[in-house]
Amino acid sequence: MASRPPVHRARKRFGQNFLRDPGIISRIVRAIAPRPGDRLVEIGPGQGALTEPLVEAADGRLEVIELDRDLIPGLRVQFFNVPDFIIHEGDALKFDFRALRGEGEPLRVVGNLPYNISTPLISHLLEAGDAIADMHFMLQKEVVERLAAEPGGPDWGRLSVMAQYRCRVDALFTVPPEAFVPRPKVESAIVRLTPHSRLPHPANDETLLFHVVRQAFGQRRKTLRNNLKGRIEADALAALGIEPSRRPQTLTIEEFVRIANHLSALEATS
């Protein structure tokens, strides 16, 4: 590798916190387990702390997406002698991951995600479907807890249902604030998201499913009877084997899909 690029001051508007701890970096790379030939894509490489070991493990093949144009010259200098290192300048929230995959192997996406865009970015990636083989992200710890939550727990919510409908979610390990420069005010955690090869509980209309989930969790302390009023009657919920007095955080993905498929069938016959 070339000499290090000049020091870059982290920018609040990009939510930048640069990972510095070599032990944490090694642990992340071991969790990702990149192999030569993988279609690795790193979101927000920053100053290349994770990028360099990923390039080495993947035998020089890596594509990165970086929004901060001031970081790109430093990345070009740092990896000038890696022929298969490709930089995409742009916003990952608007990036077409399906087009990036093309006819090749599914992408393995990694990144230390800015906390302020983590949820919408994960939603965007989940919509890429079979273009993604797996994802490993550094996120705010509480976001990882929501992603990996189980029904009935305090963290089970819309994000949990959306992610686990499409993926297996594994919370791997936490990362302390002192591993970053500057230090964030919260703990971070590493999560692995692996899209299901076959959906365990397929919805007939996924858009309708997520509308139902959003409405159900609109007011967590209220019952399904109240939150889903106007979309499905209490008697219909009971006929589906779902007690209308239950709260949304007690429902499983299968039960949400059951409601959505019932509504989908009604729309098809109306």
C-alpha atoms as a PDB file:
ATOM      1  CA  MET A   1       0.000   0.000   0.000  1.00  0.00           C
ATOM      2  CA  ALA A   2       1.022   3.631  -0.496  1.00  0.00           C
ATOM      3  CA  SER A   3       1.685   6.088   2.307  1.00  0.00           C
ATOM      4  CA  ARG A   4      -1.246   7.246   4.387  1.00  0.00           C
ATOM      5  CA  PRO A   5      -3.348  10.160   3.080  1.00  0.00           C
ATOM      6  CA  PRO A   6      -3.488  13.427   5.042  1.00  0.00           C
ATOM      7  CA  VAL A   7      -5.607  13.464   8.202  1.00  0.00           C
ATOM      8  CA  HIS A   8      -9.242  14.280   7.471  1.00  0.00           C
ATOM      9  CA  ARG A   9     -11.409  16.013  10.056  1.00  0.00           C
ATOM     10  CA  ALA A  10     -14.629  14.064  10.684  1.00  0.00           C
ATOM     11  CA  ARG A  11     -17.750  15.891   9.526  1.00  0.00           C
ATOM     12  CA  LYS A  12     -20.900  15.921  11.623  1.00  0.00           C
ATOM     13  CA  ARG A  13     -23.160  16.355   8.614  1.00  0.00           C
ATOM     14  CA  PHE A  14     -21.939  13.009   7.253  1.00  0.00           C
ATOM     15  CA  GLY A  15     -22.126  11.352  10.674  1.00  0.00           C
ATOM     16  CA  GLN A  16     -18.437  10.435  10.447  1.00  0.00           C
ATOM     17  CA  ASN A  17     -16.697   8.482  13.218  1.00  0.00           C
ATOM     18  CA  PHE A  18     -13.516   6.813  11.974  1.00  0.00           C
ATOM     19  CA  LEU A  19     -12.680   3.348  13.303  1.00  0.00           C
ATOM     20  CA  ARG A  20      -9.147   3.189  14.696  1.00  0.00           C
ATOM     21  CA  ASP A  21      -8.853   0.124  16.970  1.00  0.00           C
ATOM     22  CA  PRO A  22      -6.775  -2.569  15.161  1.00  0.00           C
ATOM     23  CA  GLY A  23      -8.157  -5.352  17.368  1.00  0.00           C
ATOM     24  CA  ILE A  24     -11.746  -4.430  16.519  1.00  0.00           C
ATOM     25  CA  ILE A  25     -10.865  -4.099  12.837  1.00  0.00           C
ATOM     26  CA  SER A  26      -9.349  -7.608  12.811  1.00  0.00           C
ATOM     27  CA  ARG A  27     -12.391  -9.014  14.573  1.00  0.00           C
ATOM     28  CA  ILE A  28     -14.736  -7.445  12.013  1.00  0.00           C
ATOM     29  CA  VAL A  29     -12.725  -8.852   9.111  1.00  0.00           C
ATOM     30  CA  ARG A  30     -12.786 -12.326  10.704  1.00  0.00           C
ATOM     31  CA  ALA A  31     -16.573 -12.063  11.056  1.00  0.00           C
ATOM     32  CA  ILE A  32     -16.954 -11.079   7.398  1.00  0.00           C
ATOM     33  CA  ALA A  33     -14.512 -13.818   6.311  1.00  0.00           C
ATOM     34  CA  PRO A  34     -13.895 -12.374   2.821  1.00  0.00           C
ATOM     35  CA  ARG A  35     -12.543 -14.736   0.185  1.00  0.00           C
ATOM     36  CA  PRO A  36     -10.779 -14.177  -3.136  1.00  0.00           C
ATOM     37  CA  GLY A  37     -13.445 -13.772  -5.801  1.00  0.00           C
ATOM     38  CA  ASP A  38     -16.071 -12.255  -3.485  1.00  0.00           C
ATOM     39  CA  ARG A  39     -18.001  -9.258  -4.821  1.00  0.00           C
ATOM     40  CA  LEU A  40     -17.212  -7.081  -1.826  1.00  0.00           C
ATOM     41  CA  VAL A  41     -18.740  -3.608  -1.556  1.00  0.00           C
ATOM     42  CA  GLU A  42     -17.852  -1.256   1.303  1.00  0.00           C
ATOM     43  CA  ILE A  43     -20.151   1.635   2.118  1.00  0.00           C
ATOM     44  CA  GLY A  44     -18.364   4.653   3.564  1.00  0.00           C
ATOM     45  CA  PRO A  45     -14.709   3.538   3.540  1.00  0.00           C
ATOM     46  CA  GLY A  46     -13.666   6.825   5.162  1.00  0.00           C
ATOM     47  CA  GLN A  47      -9.888   6.759   5.609  1.00  0.00           C
ATOM     48  CA  GLY A  48      -9.548   3.096   4.700  1.00  0.00           C
ATOM     49  CA  ALA A  49      -9.032   1.526   8.148  1.00  0.00           C
ATOM     50  CA  LEU A  50     -11.292  -1.426   7.322  1.00  0.00           C
ATOM     51  CA  THR A  51     -10.752  -1.139   3.578  1.00  0.00           C
ATOM     52  CA  GLU A  52      -7.093  -2.172   3.647  1.00  0.00           C
ATOM     53  CA  PRO A  53      -7.540  -5.558   5.386  1.00  0.00           C
ATOM     54  CA  LEU A  54     -10.612  -6.244   3.226  1.00  0.00           C
ATOM     55  CA  VAL A  55      -8.583  -5.609   0.060  1.00  0.00           C
ATOM     56  CA  GLU A  56      -5.859  -7.952   1.285  1.00  0.00           C
ATOM     57  CA  ALA A  57      -8.282 -10.729   2.268  1.00  0.00           C
ATOM     58  CA  ALA A  58     -10.250 -10.455  -0.991  1.00  0.00           C
ATOM     59  CA  ASP A  59      -7.092 -10.568  -3.112  1.00  0.00           C
ATOM     60  CA  GLY A  60      -7.384  -6.950  -4.218  1.00  0.00           C
ATOM     61  CA  ARG A  61     -10.984  -6.934  -5.378  1.00  0.00           C
ATOM     62  CA  LEU A  62     -13.154  -4.319  -3.682  1.00  0.00           C
ATOM     63  CA  GLU A  63     -15.638  -1.625  -4.647  1.00  0.00           C
ATOM     64  CA  VAL A  64     -16.413   1.254  -2.301  1.00  0.00           C
ATOM     65  CA  ILE A  65     -19.158   3.890  -2.150  1.00  0.00           C
ATOM     66  CA  GLU A  66     -18.106   7.216  -0.642  1.00  0.00           C
ATOM     67  CA  LEU A  67     -20.223  10.352  -0.335  1.00  0.00           C
ATOM     68  CA  ASP A  68     -17.543  12.705   1.032  1.00  0.00           C
ATOM     69  CA  ARG A  69     -15.634  13.811  -2.056  1.00  0.00           C
ATOM     70  CA  ASP A  70     -12.774  15.142   0.083  1.00  0.00           C
ATOM     71  CA  LEU A  71     -11.943  11.585   1.170  1.00  0.00           C
ATOM     72  CA  ILE A  72     -11.748  10.186  -2.355  1.00  0.00           C
ATOM     73  CA  PRO A  73      -8.287  11.566  -3.325  1.00  0.00           C
ATOM     74  CA  GLY A  74      -6.819   9.989  -0.191  1.00  0.00           C
ATOM     75  CA  LEU A  75      -8.388   6.631  -1.050  1.00  0.00           C
ATOM     76  CA  ARG A  76      -7.002   6.848  -4.590  1.00  0.00           C
ATOM     77  CA  VAL A  77      -3.514   7.482  -3.197  1.00  0.00           C
ATOM     78  CA  GLN A  78      -3.782   4.750  -0.583  1.00  0.00           C
ATOM     79  CA  PHE A  79      -4.923   2.078  -3.056  1.00  0.00           C
ATOM     80  CA  PHE A  80      -3.317   3.332  -6.269  1.00  0.00           C
ATOM     81  CA  ASN A  81      -1.578  -0.005  -6.868  1.00  0.00           C
ATOM     82  CA  VAL A  82      -4.722  -2.156  -6.484  1.00  0.00           C
ATOM     83  CA  PRO A  83      -6.132  -2.603 -10.019  1.00  0.00           C
ATOM     84  CA  ASP A  84      -9.498  -4.028  -8.908  1.00  0.00           C
ATOM     85  CA  PHE A  85     -10.180  -1.273  -6.362  1.00  0.00           C
ATOM     86  CA  ILE A  86     -13.116   0.788  -7.667  1.00  0.00           C
ATOM     87  CA  ILE A  87     -14.510   3.955  -6.089  1.00  0.00           C
ATOM     88  CA  HIS A  88     -18.121   5.011  -6.653  1.00  0.00           C
ATOM     89  CA  GLU A  89     -18.655   8.614  -5.589  1.00  0.00           C
ATOM     90  CA  GLY A  90     -22.217   9.071  -4.410  1.00  0.00           C
ATOM     91  CA  ASP A  91     -24.936   8.517  -1.860  1.00  0.00           C
ATOM     92  CA  ALA A  92     -25.478   4.866  -0.877  1.00  0.00           C
ATOM     93  CA  LEU A  93     -29.137   5.706  -0.147  1.00  0.00           C
ATOM     94  CA  LYS A  94     -29.614   6.368  -3.865  1.00  0.00           C
ATOM     95  CA  PHE A  95     -27.204   3.756  -5.190  1.00  0.00           C
ATOM     96  CA  ASP A  96     -28.515   1.029  -7.521  1.00  0.00           C
ATOM     97  CA  PHE A  97     -27.142  -2.177  -6.001  1.00  0.00           C
ATOM     98  CA  ARG A  98     -29.031  -4.365  -8.465  1.00  0.00           C
ATOM     99  CA  ALA A  99     -27.278  -2.636 -11.356  1.00  0.00           C
ATOM    100  CA  LEU A 100     -23.923  -3.007  -9.611  1.00  0.00           C
ATOM    101  CA  ARG A 101     -24.413  -6.748  -9.321  1.00  0.00           C
ATOM    102  CA  GLY A 102     -25.422  -7.048 -12.983  1.00  0.00           C
ATOM    103  CA  GLU A 103     -25.039 -10.646 -14.131  1.00  0.00           C
ATOM    104  CA  GLY A 104     -22.306 -11.399 -11.601  1.00  0.00           C
ATOM    105  CA  GLU A 105     -22.311 -13.010  -8.193  1.00  0.00           C
ATOM    106  CA  PRO A 106     -24.417 -11.455  -5.415  1.00  0.00           C
ATOM    107  CA  LEU A 107     -22.749  -8.651  -3.491  1.00  0.00           C
ATOM    108  CA  ARG A 108     -21.288  -8.886   0.013  1.00  0.00           C
ATOM    109  CA  VAL A 109     -21.906  -5.458   1.525  1.00  0.00           C
ATOM    110  CA  VAL A 110     -20.010  -4.123   4.540  1.00  0.00           C
ATOM    111  CA  GLY A 111     -19.719  -0.775   6.244  1.00  0.00           C
ATOM    112  CA  ASN A 112     -19.419   1.410   9.298  1.00  0.00           C
ATOM    113  CA  LEU A 113     -22.724   3.170   8.716  1.00  0.00           C
ATOM    114  CA  PRO A 114     -23.473   6.717   9.857  1.00  0.00           C
ATOM    115  CA  TYR A 115     -26.072   6.405  12.585  1.00  0.00           C
ATOM    116  CA  ASN A 116     -28.296   9.052  11.029  1.00  0.00           C
ATOM    117  CA  ILE A 117     -28.923   7.020   7.854  1.00  0.00           C
ATOM    118  CA  SER A 118     -28.604   3.433   9.093  1.00  0.00           C
ATOM    119  CA  THR A 119     -32.315   2.536   9.127  1.00  0.00           C
ATOM    120  CA  PRO A 120     -33.247   3.981   5.698  1.00  0.00           C
ATOM    121  CA  LEU A 121     -30.064   2.545   4.176  1.00  0.00           C
ATOM    122  CA  ILE A 122     -30.825  -0.958   5.464  1.00  0.00           C
ATOM    123  CA  SER A 123     -34.358  -0.607   4.058  1.00  0.00           C
ATOM    124  CA  HIS A 124     -32.881   0.406   0.692  1.00  0.00           C
ATOM    125  CA  LEU A 125     -30.522  -2.584   0.681  1.00  0.00           C
ATOM    126  CA  LEU A 126     -33.258  -5.029   1.642  1.00  0.00           C
ATOM    127  CA  GLU A 127     -35.197  -3.879  -1.410  1.00  0.00           C
ATOM    128  CA  ALA A 128     -32.258  -4.990  -3.595  1.00  0.00           C
ATOM    129  CA  GLY A 129     -33.343  -8.596  -2.953  1.00  0.00           C
ATOM    130  CA  ASP A 130     -31.186 -11.297  -4.508  1.00  0.00           C
ATOM    131  CA  ALA A 131     -28.515  -8.771  -5.490  1.00  0.00           C
ATOM    132  CA  ILE A 132     -27.172  -9.094  -1.929  1.00  0.00           C
ATOM    133  CA  ALA A 133     -25.520 -12.240  -0.520  1.00  0.00           C
ATOM    134  CA  ASP A 134     -24.985 -10.844   2.978  1.00  0.00           C
ATOM    135  CA  MET A 135     -24.365  -7.622   4.885  1.00  0.00           C
ATOM    136  CA  HIS A 136     -22.069  -6.823   7.810  1.00  0.00           C
ATOM    137  CA  PHE A 137     -22.581  -3.444   9.404  1.00  0.00           C
ATOM    138  CA  MET A 138     -21.359  -1.390  12.309  1.00  0.00           C
ATOM    139  CA  LEU A 139     -24.432   0.326  13.739  1.00  0.00           C
ATOM    140  CA  GLN A 140     -25.599   2.031  16.866  1.00  0.00           C
ATOM    141  CA  LYS A 141     -26.046  -0.737  19.441  1.00  0.00           C
ATOM    142  CA  GLU A 142     -29.718   0.020  19.998  1.00  0.00           C
ATOM    143  CA  VAL A 143     -30.394  -0.339  16.261  1.00  0.00           C
ATOM    144  CA  VAL A 144     -28.750  -3.780  16.265  1.00  0.00           C
ATOM    145  CA  GLU A 145     -30.872  -4.724  19.275  1.00  0.00           C
ATOM    146  CA  ARG A 146     -33.993  -3.720  17.361  1.00  0.00           C
ATOM    147  CA  LEU A 147     -32.899  -5.634  14.253  1.00  0.00           C
ATOM    148  CA  ALA A 148     -32.205  -8.831  16.231  1.00  0.00           C
ATOM    149  CA  ALA A 149     -35.152  -8.537  18.669  1.00  0.00           C
ATOM    150  CA  GLU A 150     -37.697 -11.288  19.275  1.00  0.00           C
ATOM    151  CA  PRO A 151     -41.495 -10.962  19.422  1.00  0.00           C
ATOM    152  CA  GLY A 152     -42.758  -9.936  22.828  1.00  0.00           C
ATOM    153  CA  GLY A 153     -39.624  -8.038  23.797  1.00  0.00           C
ATOM    154  CA  PRO A 154     -39.348  -4.277  24.203  1.00  0.00           C
ATOM    155  CA  ASP A 155     -37.169  -3.872  21.087  1.00  0.00           C
ATOM    156  CA  TRP A 156     -39.477  -5.801  18.726  1.00  0.00           C
ATOM    157  CA  GLY A 157     -40.926  -3.352  16.228  1.00  0.00           C
ATOM    158  CA  ARG A 158     -41.316  -2.325  12.638  1.00  0.00           C
ATOM    159  CA  LEU A 159     -37.576  -2.527  11.880  1.00  0.00           C
ATOM    160  CA  SER A 160     -37.362  -6.020  13.426  1.00  0.00           C
ATOM    161  CA  VAL A 161     -40.238  -7.305  11.282  1.00  0.00           C
ATOM    162  CA  MET A 162     -38.975  -5.674   8.094  1.00  0.00           C
ATOM    163  CA  ALA A 163     -35.440  -7.051   8.505  1.00  0.00           C
ATOM    164  CA  GLN A 164     -36.335 -10.540   9.745  1.00  0.00           C
ATOM    165  CA  TYR A 165     -39.030 -11.006   7.111  1.00  0.00           C
ATOM    166  CA  ARG A 166     -36.256 -10.894   4.527  1.00  0.00           C
ATOM    167  CA  CYS A 167     -33.115 -11.877   6.448  1.00  0.00           C
ATOM    168  CA  ARG A 168     -31.560 -13.915   9.165  1.00  0.00           C
ATOM    169  CA  VAL A 169     -30.198 -11.396  11.660  1.00  0.00           C
ATOM    170  CA  ASP A 170     -27.179 -12.153  13.869  1.00  0.00           C
ATOM    171  CA  ALA A 171     -25.959  -9.635  16.432  1.00  0.00           C
ATOM    172  CA  LEU A 172     -22.221 -10.392  16.640  1.00  0.00           C
ATOM    173  CA  PHE A 173     -20.426  -8.161  19.165  1.00  0.00           C
ATOM    174  CA  THR A 174     -20.349  -4.655  20.617  1.00  0.00           C
ATOM    175  CA  VAL A 175     -17.760  -1.964  19.911  1.00  0.00           C
ATOM    176  CA  PRO A 176     -16.908   0.664  22.555  1.00  0.00           C
ATOM    177  CA  PRO A 177     -16.815   4.416  21.775  1.00  0.00           C
ATOM    178  CA  GLU A 178     -13.047   4.566  22.338  1.00  0.00           C
ATOM    179  CA  ALA A 179     -12.514   2.484  19.181  1.00  0.00           C
ATOM    180  CA  PHE A 180     -13.403   5.589  17.107  1.00  0.00           C
ATOM    181  CA  VAL A 181     -12.085   9.050  16.383  1.00  0.00           C
ATOM    182  CA  PRO A 182     -13.959  11.149  17.298  1.00  0.00           C
ATOM    183  CA  ARG A 183     -15.677   9.097  19.983  1.00  0.00           C
ATOM    184  CA  PRO A 184     -19.425   8.704  19.441  1.00  0.00           C
ATOM    185  CA  LYS A 185     -21.702   9.271  22.412  1.00  0.00           C
ATOM    186  CA  VAL A 186     -23.195   5.770  22.109  1.00  0.00           C
ATOM    187  CA  GLU A 187     -22.009   2.168  21.916  1.00  0.00           C
ATOM    188  CA  SER A 188     -21.852   0.453  18.548  1.00  0.00           C
ATOM    189  CA  ALA A 189     -22.349  -3.154  17.505  1.00  0.00           C
ATOM    190  CA  ILE A 190     -21.667  -5.422  14.539  1.00  0.00           C
ATOM    191  CA  VAL A 191     -24.596  -7.174  12.890  1.00  0.00           C
ATOM    192  CA  ARG A 192     -24.808  -9.739  10.084  1.00  0.00           C
ATOM    193  CA  LEU A 193     -27.854  -9.783   7.800  1.00  0.00           C
ATOM    194  CA  THR A 194     -28.202 -12.792   5.495  1.00  0.00           C
ATOM    195  CA  PRO A 195     -31.135 -12.667   3.050  1.00  0.00           C
ATOM    196  CA  HIS A 196     -33.274 -15.804   3.089  1.00  0.00           C
ATOM    197  CA  SER A 197     -32.860 -17.967  -0.002  1.00  0.00           C
ATOM    198  CA  ARG A 198     -36.559 -18.736   0.431  1.00  0.00           C
ATOM    199  CA  LEU A 199     -38.862 -16.577   2.542  1.00  0.00           C
ATOM    200  CA  PRO A 200     -40.119 -18.512   5.597  1.00  0.00           C
ATOM    201  CA  HIS A 201     -43.439 -16.633   5.555  1.00  0.00           C
ATOM    202  CA  PRO A 202     -44.029 -15.111   2.107  1.00  0.00           C
ATOM    203  CA  ALA A 203     -46.552 -12.319   1.784  1.00  0.00           C
ATOM    204  CA  ASN A 204     -48.743 -12.104  -1.286  1.00  0.00           C
ATOM    205  CA  ASP A 205     -48.226  -8.338  -1.321  1.00  0.00           C
ATOM    206  CA  GLU A 206     -45.101  -7.121   0.490  1.00  0.00           C
ATOM    207  CA  THR A 207     -46.062  -3.462   0.158  1.00  0.00           C
ATOM    208  CA  LEU A 208     -49.359  -4.192   1.886  1.00  0.00           C
ATOM    209  CA  LEU A 209     -47.549  -6.202   4.578  1.00  0.00           C
ATOM    210  CA  PHE A 210     -45.274  -3.307   5.474  1.00  0.00           C
ATOM    211  CA  HIS A 211     -48.224  -0.884   5.469  1.00  0.00           C
ATOM    212  CA  VAL A 212     -49.970  -3.163   7.971  1.00  0.00           C
ATOM    213  CA  VAL A 213     -46.832  -3.367  10.121  1.00  0.00           C
ATOM    214  CA  ARG A 214     -46.339   0.412  10.044  1.00  0.00           C
ATOM    215  CA  GLN A 215     -49.952   1.020  11.048  1.00  0.00           C
ATOM    216  CA  ALA A 216     -49.875  -1.658  13.755  1.00  0.00           C
ATOM    217  CA  PHE A 217     -46.828  -0.095  15.404  1.00  0.00           C
ATOM    218  CA  GLY A 218     -48.182   3.432  15.047  1.00  0.00           C
ATOM    219  CA  GLN A 219     -48.933   3.498  18.770  1.00  0.00           C
ATOM    220  CA  ARG A 220     -47.191   0.625  20.533  1.00  0.00           C
ATOM    221  CA  ARG A 221     -49.236   0.822  23.730  1.00  0.00           C
ATOM    222  CA  LYS A 222     -52.539   0.496  21.940  1.00  0.00           C
ATOM    223  CA  THR A 223     -54.130  -2.766  20.867  1.00  0.00           C
ATOM    224  CA  LEU A 224     -54.434  -4.135  17.367  1.00  0.00           C
ATOM    225  CA  ARG A 225     -58.165  -3.397  17.538  1.00  0.00           C
ATOM    226  CA  ASN A 226     -57.340   0.305  17.835  1.00  0.00           C
ATOM    227  CA  ASN A 227     -54.226   0.550  15.680  1.00  0.00           C
ATOM    228  CA  LEU A 228     -55.662  -1.393  12.749  1.00  0.00           C
ATOM    229  CA  LYS A 229     -59.086   0.222  12.939  1.00  0.00           C
ATOM    230  CA  GLY A 230     -60.271   1.047   9.456  1.00  0.00           C
ATOM    231  CA  ARG A 231     -58.062  -1.601   7.872  1.00  0.00           C
ATOM    232  CA  ILE A 232     -59.357  -4.804   9.469  1.00  0.00           C
ATOM    233  CA  GLU A 233     -62.218  -5.433  11.898  1.00  0.00           C
ATOM    234  CA  ALA A 234     -61.756  -7.077  15.290  1.00  0.00           C
ATOM    235  CA  ASP A 235     -63.966 -10.012  14.252  1.00  0.00           C
ATOM    236  CA  ALA A 236     -61.741 -10.650  11.234  1.00  0.00           C
ATOM    237  CA  LEU A 237     -58.629 -10.643  13.431  1.00  0.00           C
ATOM    238  CA  ALA A 238     -60.250 -13.162  15.775  1.00  0.00           C
ATOM    239  CA  ALA A 239     -61.217 -15.346  12.805  1.00  0.00           C
ATOM    240  CA  LEU A 240     -57.522 -15.379  11.830  1.00  0.00           C
ATOM    241  CA  GLY A 241     -56.647 -16.670  15.301  1.00  0.00           C
ATOM    242  CA  ILE A 242     -55.263 -13.304  16.460  1.00  0.00           C
ATOM    243  CA  GLU A 243     -56.786 -11.781  19.584  1.00  0.00           C
ATOM    244  CA  PRO A 244     -57.726  -8.130  18.822  1.00  0.00           C
ATOM    245  CA  SER A 245     -56.719  -7.042  22.331  1.00  0.00           C
ATOM    246  CA  ARG A 246     -53.069  -7.962  21.735  1.00  0.00           C
ATOM    247  CA  ARG A 247     -50.436  -5.276  21.284  1.00  0.00           C
ATOM    248  CA  PRO A 248     -48.348  -5.160  18.081  1.00  0.00           C
ATOM    249  CA  GLN A 249     -45.060  -6.105  19.769  1.00  0.00           C
ATOM    250  CA  THR A 250     -46.504  -9.537  20.641  1.00  0.00           C
ATOM    251  CA  LEU A 251     -47.164 -10.561  17.035  1.00  0.00           C
ATOM    252  CA  THR A 252     -44.824 -12.821  15.081  1.00  0.00           C
ATOM    253  CA  ILE A 253     -43.863 -12.241  11.459  1.00  0.00           C
ATOM    254  CA  GLU A 254     -46.109 -15.146  10.478  1.00  0.00           C
ATOM    255  CA  GLU A 255     -49.091 -13.443  12.161  1.00  0.00           C
ATOM    256  CA  PHE A 256     -48.432 -10.127  10.417  1.00  0.00           C
ATOM    257  CA  VAL A 257     -48.217 -12.005   7.106  1.00  0.00           C
ATOM    258  CA  ARG A 258     -51.481 -13.800   7.932  1.00  0.00           C
ATOM    259  CA  ILE A 259     -53.225 -10.436   8.343  1.00  0.00           C
ATOM    260  CA  ALA A 260     -51.698  -8.989   5.170  1.00  0.00           C
ATOM    261  CA  ASN A 261     -52.559 -12.063   3.078  1.00  0.00           C
ATOM    262  CA  HIS A 262     -56.148 -11.938   4.325  1.00  0.00           C
ATOM    263  CA  LEU A 263     -56.414  -8.289   3.269  1.00  0.00           C
ATOM    264  CA  SER A 264     -54.740  -9.061  -0.050  1.00  0.00           C
ATOM    265  CA  ALA A 265     -57.274 -11.791  -0.748  1.00  0.00           C
ATOM    266  CA  LEU A 266     -60.134  -9.412   0.049  1.00  0.00           C
ATOM    267  CA  GLU A 267     -58.730  -6.814  -2.368  1.00  0.00           C
ATOM    268  CA  ALA A 268     -58.412  -9.441  -5.088  1.00  0.00           C
ATOM    269  CA  THR A 269     -62.104 -10.368  -4.805  1.00  0.00           C
ATOM    270  CA  SER A 270     -63.479  -6.837  -4.450  1.00  0.00           C
END
